[in-house]
N, C-alpha and C. Protein backbone atom coordinates (compact mmCIF):
# COMPACT_ATOMS: atom_id res chain seq x y z
N MET A 1 0.88 -1.30 -0.22
CA MET A 1 -0.06 0.03 0.18
C MET A 1 0.71 1.19 0.16
N LYS A 2 0.40 2.19 -0.86
CA LYS A 2 1.16 3.40 -0.93
C LYS A 2 0.39 4.50 -0.08
N LEU A 3 1.28 5.27 0.78
CA LEU A 3 0.89 6.34 1.47
C LEU A 3 1.18 7.65 1.04
N GLY A 4 0.44 8.73 1.12
CA GLY A 4 0.78 10.20 1.12
C GLY A 4 0.70 10.58 2.53
N ILE A 5 1.74 11.55 2.85
CA ILE A 5 1.73 11.89 4.19
C ILE A 5 2.03 13.48 4.15
N ILE A 6 1.17 13.91 4.97
CA ILE A 6 1.28 15.54 4.85
C ILE A 6 0.94 15.90 5.98
N ALA A 7 1.78 17.42 6.57
CA ALA A 7 1.26 17.89 7.90
C ALA A 7 1.52 19.31 7.56
N ASP A 8 0.97 20.13 8.48
CA ASP A 8 1.07 21.51 8.64
C ASP A 8 0.88 22.26 7.60
N THR A 9 -0.44 22.04 6.99
CA THR A 9 -1.13 22.82 5.68
C THR A 9 -1.60 24.10 5.94
N HIS A 10 -1.82 24.54 7.04
CA HIS A 10 -1.92 25.86 7.61
C HIS A 10 -2.75 26.52 6.65
N ASP A 11 -4.05 26.13 6.14
CA ASP A 11 -4.72 26.84 5.17
C ASP A 11 -4.02 27.15 3.89
N ASN A 12 -3.03 26.80 3.56
CA ASN A 12 -2.43 27.11 2.10
C ASN A 12 -3.10 26.13 1.08
N LEU A 13 -4.19 26.61 0.53
CA LEU A 13 -4.96 26.05 -0.37
C LEU A 13 -4.10 25.49 -1.55
N ALA A 14 -3.37 26.63 -1.98
CA ALA A 14 -2.60 26.29 -3.06
C ALA A 14 -1.46 25.23 -3.11
N ALA A 15 -1.17 25.31 -2.03
CA ALA A 15 0.15 24.06 -1.83
C ALA A 15 -0.76 22.90 -1.37
N ILE A 16 -1.77 22.91 -0.81
CA ILE A 16 -2.63 21.60 -0.90
C ILE A 16 -2.86 21.12 -2.08
N GLU A 17 -3.38 22.01 -2.85
CA GLU A 17 -3.79 21.54 -4.44
C GLU A 17 -2.67 20.91 -5.07
N LYS A 18 -1.19 21.46 -4.87
CA LYS A 18 -0.07 20.78 -5.56
C LYS A 18 0.05 19.43 -4.94
N ALA A 19 -0.06 19.44 -3.50
CA ALA A 19 0.07 18.24 -2.64
C ALA A 19 -0.62 17.12 -3.41
N VAL A 20 -2.05 17.41 -3.55
CA VAL A 20 -3.10 16.54 -4.00
C VAL A 20 -2.83 16.14 -5.27
N GLU A 21 -2.41 16.78 -6.36
CA GLU A 21 -2.05 16.62 -7.72
C GLU A 21 -0.94 15.82 -7.55
N LEU A 22 0.23 15.90 -6.88
CA LEU A 22 1.38 14.99 -6.58
C LEU A 22 0.82 13.53 -6.01
N PHE A 23 0.09 13.53 -5.01
CA PHE A 23 -0.40 12.39 -4.69
C PHE A 23 -1.25 11.61 -5.44
N ARG A 24 -1.97 12.30 -6.39
CA ARG A 24 -3.08 11.67 -7.28
C ARG A 24 -1.64 10.82 -8.45
N HIS A 25 -0.96 11.84 -8.68
CA HIS A 25 0.13 11.20 -9.85
C HIS A 25 0.99 9.95 -9.21
N GLU A 26 1.02 9.97 -7.84
CA GLU A 26 1.61 8.84 -7.41
C GLU A 26 0.84 7.62 -7.24
N GLY A 27 -0.34 7.62 -7.09
CA GLY A 27 -1.31 6.66 -7.24
C GLY A 27 -1.28 6.18 -5.65
N ILE A 28 -1.14 7.22 -4.59
CA ILE A 28 -1.34 6.67 -3.22
C ILE A 28 -2.79 6.17 -3.01
N GLU A 29 -2.94 5.28 -1.83
CA GLU A 29 -4.00 4.54 -1.65
C GLU A 29 -4.67 5.04 -0.35
N LEU A 30 -3.82 5.96 0.28
CA LEU A 30 -4.25 6.26 1.96
C LEU A 30 -3.46 7.61 1.98
N LEU A 31 -4.19 8.56 2.67
CA LEU A 31 -3.47 10.07 2.97
C LEU A 31 -3.55 10.05 4.53
N VAL A 32 -2.36 10.17 5.07
CA VAL A 32 -2.14 10.56 6.35
C VAL A 32 -1.75 11.95 6.69
N HIS A 33 -2.66 12.85 7.50
CA HIS A 33 -2.36 14.27 7.74
C HIS A 33 -2.01 14.19 9.40
N ALA A 34 -0.75 14.66 9.51
CA ALA A 34 -0.19 14.74 10.70
C ALA A 34 -0.49 16.13 11.71
N GLY A 35 -1.61 16.82 11.25
CA GLY A 35 -2.30 17.90 12.26
C GLY A 35 -1.76 19.28 11.38
N ASP A 36 -2.81 20.25 12.06
CA ASP A 36 -2.51 21.60 11.65
C ASP A 36 -3.14 21.91 10.35
N PHE A 37 -4.29 21.28 10.20
CA PHE A 37 -5.21 21.56 9.16
C PHE A 37 -5.57 23.11 9.09
N VAL A 38 -6.00 23.55 10.13
CA VAL A 38 -6.43 24.93 10.78
C VAL A 38 -7.75 25.02 10.59
N ALA A 39 -8.31 25.24 9.30
CA ALA A 39 -9.75 25.76 9.16
C ALA A 39 -10.42 24.65 8.25
N PRO A 40 -11.85 24.71 8.52
CA PRO A 40 -12.70 23.62 7.92
C PRO A 40 -12.69 23.34 6.41
N PHE A 41 -12.64 24.83 5.73
CA PHE A 41 -12.47 24.63 4.28
C PHE A 41 -11.42 24.05 3.49
N THR A 42 -10.47 23.56 4.30
CA THR A 42 -9.40 22.81 3.71
C THR A 42 -9.81 21.43 3.11
N GLU A 43 -10.79 21.23 3.56
CA GLU A 43 -11.25 19.62 2.87
C GLU A 43 -11.39 19.82 1.51
N LYS A 44 -11.91 20.65 0.99
CA LYS A 44 -12.17 20.90 -0.42
C LYS A 44 -11.16 20.36 -1.37
N PRO A 45 -9.92 20.83 -1.40
CA PRO A 45 -9.08 20.21 -2.45
C PRO A 45 -8.74 18.69 -2.03
N PHE A 46 -8.76 18.28 -0.75
CA PHE A 46 -8.54 16.80 -0.32
C PHE A 46 -9.72 16.04 -1.08
N ARG A 47 -10.96 16.67 -1.06
CA ARG A 47 -12.00 15.69 -1.56
C ARG A 47 -11.76 15.29 -2.95
N THR A 48 -11.15 15.95 -3.81
CA THR A 48 -10.73 15.67 -5.17
C THR A 48 -9.81 14.65 -5.28
N LEU A 49 -9.23 14.23 -4.33
CA LEU A 49 -8.19 13.07 -4.26
C LEU A 49 -8.83 11.73 -4.47
N LYS A 50 -9.75 11.75 -3.73
CA LYS A 50 -10.60 10.39 -3.73
C LYS A 50 -10.09 9.21 -3.04
N VAL A 51 -9.09 9.45 -2.23
CA VAL A 51 -8.79 8.28 -1.27
C VAL A 51 -9.14 8.83 0.06
N PRO A 52 -9.08 7.73 1.00
CA PRO A 52 -9.48 8.02 2.65
C PRO A 52 -8.16 9.01 3.09
N LEU A 53 -8.65 9.69 3.96
CA LEU A 53 -7.83 10.50 4.80
C LEU A 53 -8.06 10.02 6.19
N ILE A 54 -6.68 9.64 6.80
CA ILE A 54 -6.71 9.70 8.30
C ILE A 54 -5.89 10.68 8.97
N GLY A 55 -6.56 11.59 9.71
CA GLY A 55 -5.66 12.75 10.43
C GLY A 55 -5.82 12.87 11.91
N ILE A 56 -5.10 13.53 12.28
CA ILE A 56 -5.06 14.08 13.75
C ILE A 56 -5.23 15.60 13.78
N PHE A 57 -5.80 15.85 14.77
CA PHE A 57 -5.51 17.33 15.09
C PHE A 57 -4.15 17.98 15.70
N GLY A 58 -3.77 19.09 15.29
CA GLY A 58 -2.44 19.69 15.72
C GLY A 58 -2.87 20.97 16.71
N ASN A 59 -1.81 21.59 17.30
CA ASN A 59 -2.08 22.73 17.90
C ASN A 59 -2.65 23.79 17.57
N ASN A 60 -2.76 24.04 16.16
CA ASN A 60 -3.40 25.19 15.36
C ASN A 60 -4.75 25.00 14.79
N ASP A 61 -5.26 23.72 15.12
CA ASP A 61 -6.71 23.55 14.48
C ASP A 61 -7.65 24.18 15.30
N GLY A 62 -8.48 25.19 14.87
CA GLY A 62 -9.37 25.86 15.53
C GLY A 62 -10.48 25.26 15.92
N ASP A 63 -11.51 25.09 15.18
CA ASP A 63 -12.74 24.71 15.35
C ASP A 63 -12.88 23.00 15.11
N LYS A 64 -12.34 22.45 15.98
CA LYS A 64 -12.27 20.80 15.98
C LYS A 64 -13.58 20.27 15.42
N LEU A 65 -14.61 20.64 16.00
CA LEU A 65 -15.87 19.96 15.85
C LEU A 65 -16.30 20.20 14.37
N LEU A 66 -15.93 21.39 13.80
CA LEU A 66 -16.58 21.91 12.43
C LEU A 66 -15.62 21.05 11.56
N LEU A 67 -14.37 21.25 11.81
CA LEU A 67 -13.25 20.10 11.00
C LEU A 67 -13.69 19.09 11.06
N ARG A 68 -13.83 18.26 12.18
CA ARG A 68 -14.13 16.71 11.91
C ARG A 68 -15.48 16.52 11.24
N GLU A 69 -16.55 17.31 11.46
CA GLU A 69 -17.77 17.24 10.78
C GLU A 69 -17.52 17.35 9.26
N MET A 70 -16.98 18.34 8.76
CA MET A 70 -16.80 18.67 7.43
C MET A 70 -16.09 17.70 6.66
N TYR A 71 -14.80 17.09 7.12
CA TYR A 71 -14.32 16.05 6.67
C TYR A 71 -15.05 15.04 6.48
N ARG A 72 -15.91 14.49 7.56
CA ARG A 72 -16.64 13.44 7.49
C ARG A 72 -17.55 13.43 6.48
N GLU A 73 -18.48 14.44 6.69
CA GLU A 73 -19.70 14.63 5.70
C GLU A 73 -19.37 14.79 4.46
N LYS A 74 -18.22 15.30 3.86
CA LYS A 74 -17.77 15.75 2.64
C LYS A 74 -17.06 14.14 2.15
N GLY A 75 -16.92 13.37 2.89
CA GLY A 75 -16.39 11.88 2.54
C GLY A 75 -15.08 12.13 2.41
N VAL A 76 -14.13 13.01 3.03
CA VAL A 76 -13.01 13.02 2.79
C VAL A 76 -12.11 12.03 3.68
N GLY A 77 -12.66 11.97 5.11
CA GLY A 77 -11.95 11.01 5.88
C GLY A 77 -12.05 11.44 7.33
N GLU A 78 -11.49 10.76 8.33
CA GLU A 78 -11.65 10.94 9.53
C GLU A 78 -10.46 11.70 10.30
N ILE A 79 -10.90 12.65 11.03
CA ILE A 79 -9.76 13.27 11.92
C ILE A 79 -9.83 13.03 13.44
N HIS A 80 -8.83 12.50 14.03
CA HIS A 80 -8.94 12.05 15.42
C HIS A 80 -8.05 12.94 16.37
N GLU A 81 -8.27 12.53 17.79
CA GLU A 81 -7.55 13.25 18.74
C GLU A 81 -6.23 12.66 18.42
N ASP A 82 -5.20 13.43 19.16
CA ASP A 82 -3.64 13.22 18.77
C ASP A 82 -3.26 12.35 20.30
N PRO A 83 -2.66 11.19 20.05
CA PRO A 83 -1.99 10.43 19.01
C PRO A 83 -3.13 9.70 18.54
N HIS A 84 -2.93 9.04 17.46
CA HIS A 84 -3.86 7.98 16.72
C HIS A 84 -3.25 6.79 16.21
N GLU A 85 -3.41 5.72 16.50
CA GLU A 85 -2.89 4.52 15.86
C GLU A 85 -3.80 3.67 15.29
N PHE A 86 -3.41 2.88 14.42
CA PHE A 86 -3.96 2.27 13.32
C PHE A 86 -3.35 1.06 12.64
N GLU A 87 -3.74 0.07 12.15
CA GLU A 87 -3.27 -1.00 11.46
C GLU A 87 -3.56 -0.95 10.16
N LEU A 88 -2.48 -1.08 9.21
CA LEU A 88 -2.60 -1.47 7.61
C LEU A 88 -2.00 -2.78 7.35
N GLY A 89 -2.84 -3.72 7.09
CA GLY A 89 -2.28 -5.06 7.03
C GLY A 89 -1.49 -5.51 7.98
N THR A 90 -0.26 -5.93 8.04
CA THR A 90 0.38 -6.27 9.29
C THR A 90 1.20 -5.04 9.98
N LYS A 91 0.93 -4.13 9.43
CA LYS A 91 1.93 -2.89 9.99
C LYS A 91 1.10 -1.93 11.02
N LYS A 92 1.68 -1.69 12.30
CA LYS A 92 0.87 -0.76 13.05
C LYS A 92 1.73 0.65 12.93
N VAL A 93 0.72 1.59 12.99
CA VAL A 93 1.06 3.04 12.54
C VAL A 93 0.52 3.70 13.68
N ILE A 94 1.56 4.82 14.04
CA ILE A 94 0.88 5.98 14.84
C ILE A 94 1.18 7.32 14.32
N VAL A 95 0.28 8.19 14.32
CA VAL A 95 0.56 9.56 14.06
C VAL A 95 0.25 10.36 15.16
N THR A 96 1.15 11.46 15.19
CA THR A 96 1.10 12.53 16.26
C THR A 96 1.36 13.96 15.77
N HIS A 97 1.08 14.88 16.44
CA HIS A 97 1.41 16.17 16.19
C HIS A 97 2.52 16.55 17.25
N ARG A 98 2.95 15.70 18.17
CA ARG A 98 3.69 16.26 19.31
C ARG A 98 5.03 15.39 18.97
N PRO A 99 6.33 16.24 18.58
CA PRO A 99 7.43 15.72 18.55
C PRO A 99 8.10 14.96 19.86
N MET A 100 7.81 15.55 20.81
CA MET A 100 8.35 15.13 22.29
C MET A 100 7.92 13.68 22.41
N ILE A 101 6.98 13.40 21.90
CA ILE A 101 6.65 11.86 22.27
C ILE A 101 7.31 11.01 21.13
N VAL A 102 7.57 11.33 20.07
CA VAL A 102 8.00 10.39 18.98
C VAL A 102 9.24 9.29 19.32
N ASP A 103 10.29 9.77 20.20
CA ASP A 103 11.23 8.84 20.43
C ASP A 103 11.00 7.66 21.27
N ALA A 104 10.02 8.00 22.03
CA ALA A 104 9.31 6.97 23.01
C ALA A 104 8.37 6.17 22.19
N LEU A 105 7.60 6.49 21.44
CA LEU A 105 6.77 5.82 20.40
C LEU A 105 7.79 4.94 19.67
N ALA A 106 8.84 5.42 19.19
CA ALA A 106 9.75 4.92 18.20
C ALA A 106 10.40 3.71 18.91
N VAL A 107 10.90 3.79 20.18
CA VAL A 107 11.76 2.72 20.95
C VAL A 107 10.94 1.82 21.60
N SER A 108 9.54 2.14 21.62
CA SER A 108 8.66 1.34 22.61
C SER A 108 8.62 -0.17 21.85
N GLY A 109 8.80 -0.11 20.48
CA GLY A 109 8.92 -1.62 19.81
C GLY A 109 7.37 -1.90 19.30
N SER A 110 6.46 -0.99 19.70
CA SER A 110 5.13 -1.15 19.45
C SER A 110 4.61 -0.91 18.03
N TYR A 111 5.41 0.12 17.36
CA TYR A 111 4.84 0.57 16.03
C TYR A 111 6.01 0.24 15.03
N ASP A 112 5.47 0.07 13.80
CA ASP A 112 6.25 -0.22 12.67
C ASP A 112 6.71 1.19 12.08
N VAL A 113 5.86 2.06 12.13
CA VAL A 113 5.78 3.54 11.85
C VAL A 113 5.26 4.52 12.56
N VAL A 114 6.38 5.61 12.63
CA VAL A 114 5.81 6.87 13.49
C VAL A 114 5.66 7.94 12.57
N ILE A 115 4.38 8.61 12.63
CA ILE A 115 4.54 9.58 11.56
C ILE A 115 4.28 10.88 12.68
N TYR A 116 4.92 11.96 12.35
CA TYR A 116 4.53 13.27 13.10
C TYR A 116 4.82 14.67 12.23
N GLY A 117 4.21 15.61 12.90
CA GLY A 117 4.29 17.01 12.18
C GLY A 117 4.82 17.87 13.44
N HIS A 118 4.36 19.25 13.21
CA HIS A 118 4.59 20.40 14.09
C HIS A 118 5.95 21.04 14.08
N THR A 119 7.07 20.40 13.76
CA THR A 119 8.27 20.93 13.64
C THR A 119 8.54 21.68 12.52
N HIS A 120 7.75 21.21 11.30
CA HIS A 120 7.73 22.08 10.02
C HIS A 120 9.14 21.36 9.25
N LYS A 121 9.88 20.61 9.90
CA LYS A 121 11.17 19.98 9.36
C LYS A 121 10.85 18.51 8.78
N ALA A 122 11.41 18.21 7.54
CA ALA A 122 11.09 16.97 7.09
C ALA A 122 12.16 15.81 7.51
N GLU A 123 11.83 14.75 7.91
CA GLU A 123 12.53 13.80 8.29
C GLU A 123 12.17 12.39 8.00
N VAL A 124 13.06 11.59 7.57
CA VAL A 124 12.94 10.12 7.52
C VAL A 124 14.13 9.50 7.96
N ALA A 125 13.86 8.51 8.85
CA ALA A 125 14.76 7.91 9.71
C ALA A 125 14.54 6.63 10.49
N LYS A 126 15.28 5.96 10.62
CA LYS A 126 15.04 4.67 11.35
C LYS A 126 15.59 4.65 12.74
N ARG A 127 14.53 4.59 13.71
CA ARG A 127 15.24 4.37 15.07
C ARG A 127 14.77 2.88 15.51
N GLY A 128 15.90 2.07 15.82
CA GLY A 128 15.56 0.80 16.09
C GLY A 128 15.03 0.05 14.83
N ASN A 129 14.09 -0.59 14.97
CA ASN A 129 13.16 -1.09 13.86
C ASN A 129 12.12 -0.21 13.45
N THR A 130 11.60 0.72 13.93
CA THR A 130 10.69 1.83 13.43
C THR A 130 11.07 2.90 12.63
N LEU A 131 10.42 2.97 11.54
CA LEU A 131 10.53 3.98 10.51
C LEU A 131 9.65 5.29 11.08
N VAL A 132 10.59 6.21 11.17
CA VAL A 132 9.93 7.63 11.69
C VAL A 132 9.82 8.77 10.46
N ILE A 133 8.71 9.15 10.45
CA ILE A 133 8.56 10.23 9.29
C ILE A 133 7.93 11.46 9.50
N ASN A 134 8.39 12.69 9.49
CA ASN A 134 8.06 13.87 9.36
C ASN A 134 7.91 14.56 8.16
N PRO A 135 6.86 14.82 7.43
CA PRO A 135 6.97 15.12 6.11
C PRO A 135 7.30 16.47 5.79
N GLY A 136 7.40 17.10 6.88
CA GLY A 136 7.74 18.68 6.87
C GLY A 136 6.45 19.52 6.68
N GLU A 137 6.80 20.60 6.23
CA GLU A 137 5.40 21.51 6.18
C GLU A 137 5.17 21.58 4.65
N CYS A 138 3.78 21.50 4.49
CA CYS A 138 3.27 21.58 3.05
C CYS A 138 3.30 23.05 2.94
N CYS A 139 2.88 23.74 3.81
CA CYS A 139 2.23 25.19 3.62
C CYS A 139 3.49 26.06 3.09
N GLY A 140 4.79 25.74 3.61
CA GLY A 140 6.02 26.59 3.14
C GLY A 140 6.24 27.78 4.14
N TYR A 141 5.58 28.10 5.09
CA TYR A 141 5.42 29.45 5.81
C TYR A 141 6.67 29.42 6.68
N VAL A 142 7.38 28.37 7.21
CA VAL A 142 8.34 28.42 8.29
C VAL A 142 9.73 28.45 7.64
N THR A 143 9.83 27.31 6.89
CA THR A 143 11.11 26.90 6.23
C THR A 143 11.20 27.34 4.90
N GLY A 144 10.19 27.76 4.18
CA GLY A 144 10.16 28.36 2.87
C GLY A 144 10.22 27.10 1.64
N ARG A 145 9.96 25.75 2.25
CA ARG A 145 10.07 24.33 1.59
C ARG A 145 8.64 24.00 1.90
N LYS A 146 8.04 23.67 0.71
CA LYS A 146 6.72 23.10 0.75
C LYS A 146 6.92 21.54 0.52
N THR A 147 6.80 20.81 1.56
CA THR A 147 7.18 19.21 1.18
C THR A 147 6.10 18.26 1.87
N VAL A 148 6.26 17.00 1.26
CA VAL A 148 5.35 16.03 1.63
C VAL A 148 6.08 14.62 1.60
N ALA A 149 5.65 13.58 1.95
CA ALA A 149 6.35 12.24 1.90
C ALA A 149 5.41 11.15 1.45
N ILE A 150 6.05 10.28 0.66
CA ILE A 150 5.45 9.01 0.00
C ILE A 150 6.00 8.08 0.66
N LEU A 151 5.23 7.13 1.13
CA LEU A 151 5.67 5.66 1.93
C LEU A 151 5.24 4.55 0.90
N ASP A 152 6.00 3.58 0.82
CA ASP A 152 5.53 2.27 0.16
C ASP A 152 5.65 1.46 1.37
N LEU A 153 4.32 0.98 2.05
CA LEU A 153 4.34 0.26 3.23
C LEU A 153 5.03 -1.07 3.29
N GLU A 154 4.78 -1.60 2.14
CA GLU A 154 5.46 -2.96 2.04
C GLU A 154 6.73 -2.88 1.82
N THR A 155 7.41 -1.95 1.37
CA THR A 155 8.95 -1.98 1.38
C THR A 155 9.63 -1.16 2.22
N GLU A 156 8.72 -0.31 3.00
CA GLU A 156 9.15 0.71 3.97
C GLU A 156 10.09 1.80 3.22
N GLU A 157 9.92 1.82 2.05
CA GLU A 157 10.64 2.78 1.09
C GLU A 157 9.86 4.24 1.47
N SER A 158 10.51 5.24 1.56
CA SER A 158 9.93 6.40 1.69
C SER A 158 10.75 7.47 1.28
N ARG A 159 10.05 8.64 1.05
CA ARG A 159 11.03 9.79 0.39
C ARG A 159 10.08 11.03 0.75
N ILE A 160 10.94 12.10 0.84
CA ILE A 160 10.35 13.66 1.06
C ILE A 160 10.35 14.00 -0.49
N VAL A 161 9.43 14.56 -0.85
CA VAL A 161 9.16 15.46 -2.10
C VAL A 161 8.73 16.77 -1.82
N GLU A 162 9.41 17.76 -2.51
CA GLU A 162 9.23 19.20 -2.60
C GLU A 162 8.26 19.39 -3.57
N LEU A 163 7.38 20.26 -3.24
CA LEU A 163 6.24 20.64 -4.18
C LEU A 163 6.71 21.69 -5.05
């Protein structure tokens, strides 16, 4: 299964649209959002991707109730409290917006993949047997780089892609 991974979109619709275009071209089957959607209207470009989204709230997400409602009602996907764990085939994945818990999650041995956001800095690393991915910031506001990640869950091959 091929995943698209995104975080820190911060209402930048043009950047989200570029990410959606890339994810469509890559043929992803699931999109994981590691927080900081910010406003409910951000669901619109994600809706055009037509793959399920699993997301978590970040520290800048305002109207969480409306965000969750809009994403669910429009058929985009589910937004959960942070952290959120799920299984894809035989792989256990956890997604968080809190970098301070990433090391503990990775070394626990409980997860195959830890996905996180918040720092706006892209990272792909192995910590023990756990793959750790931060897609960086889609919005480009802090680092000046608009980035996302692609992960092939079968091979655990992952890469950061600049938009």
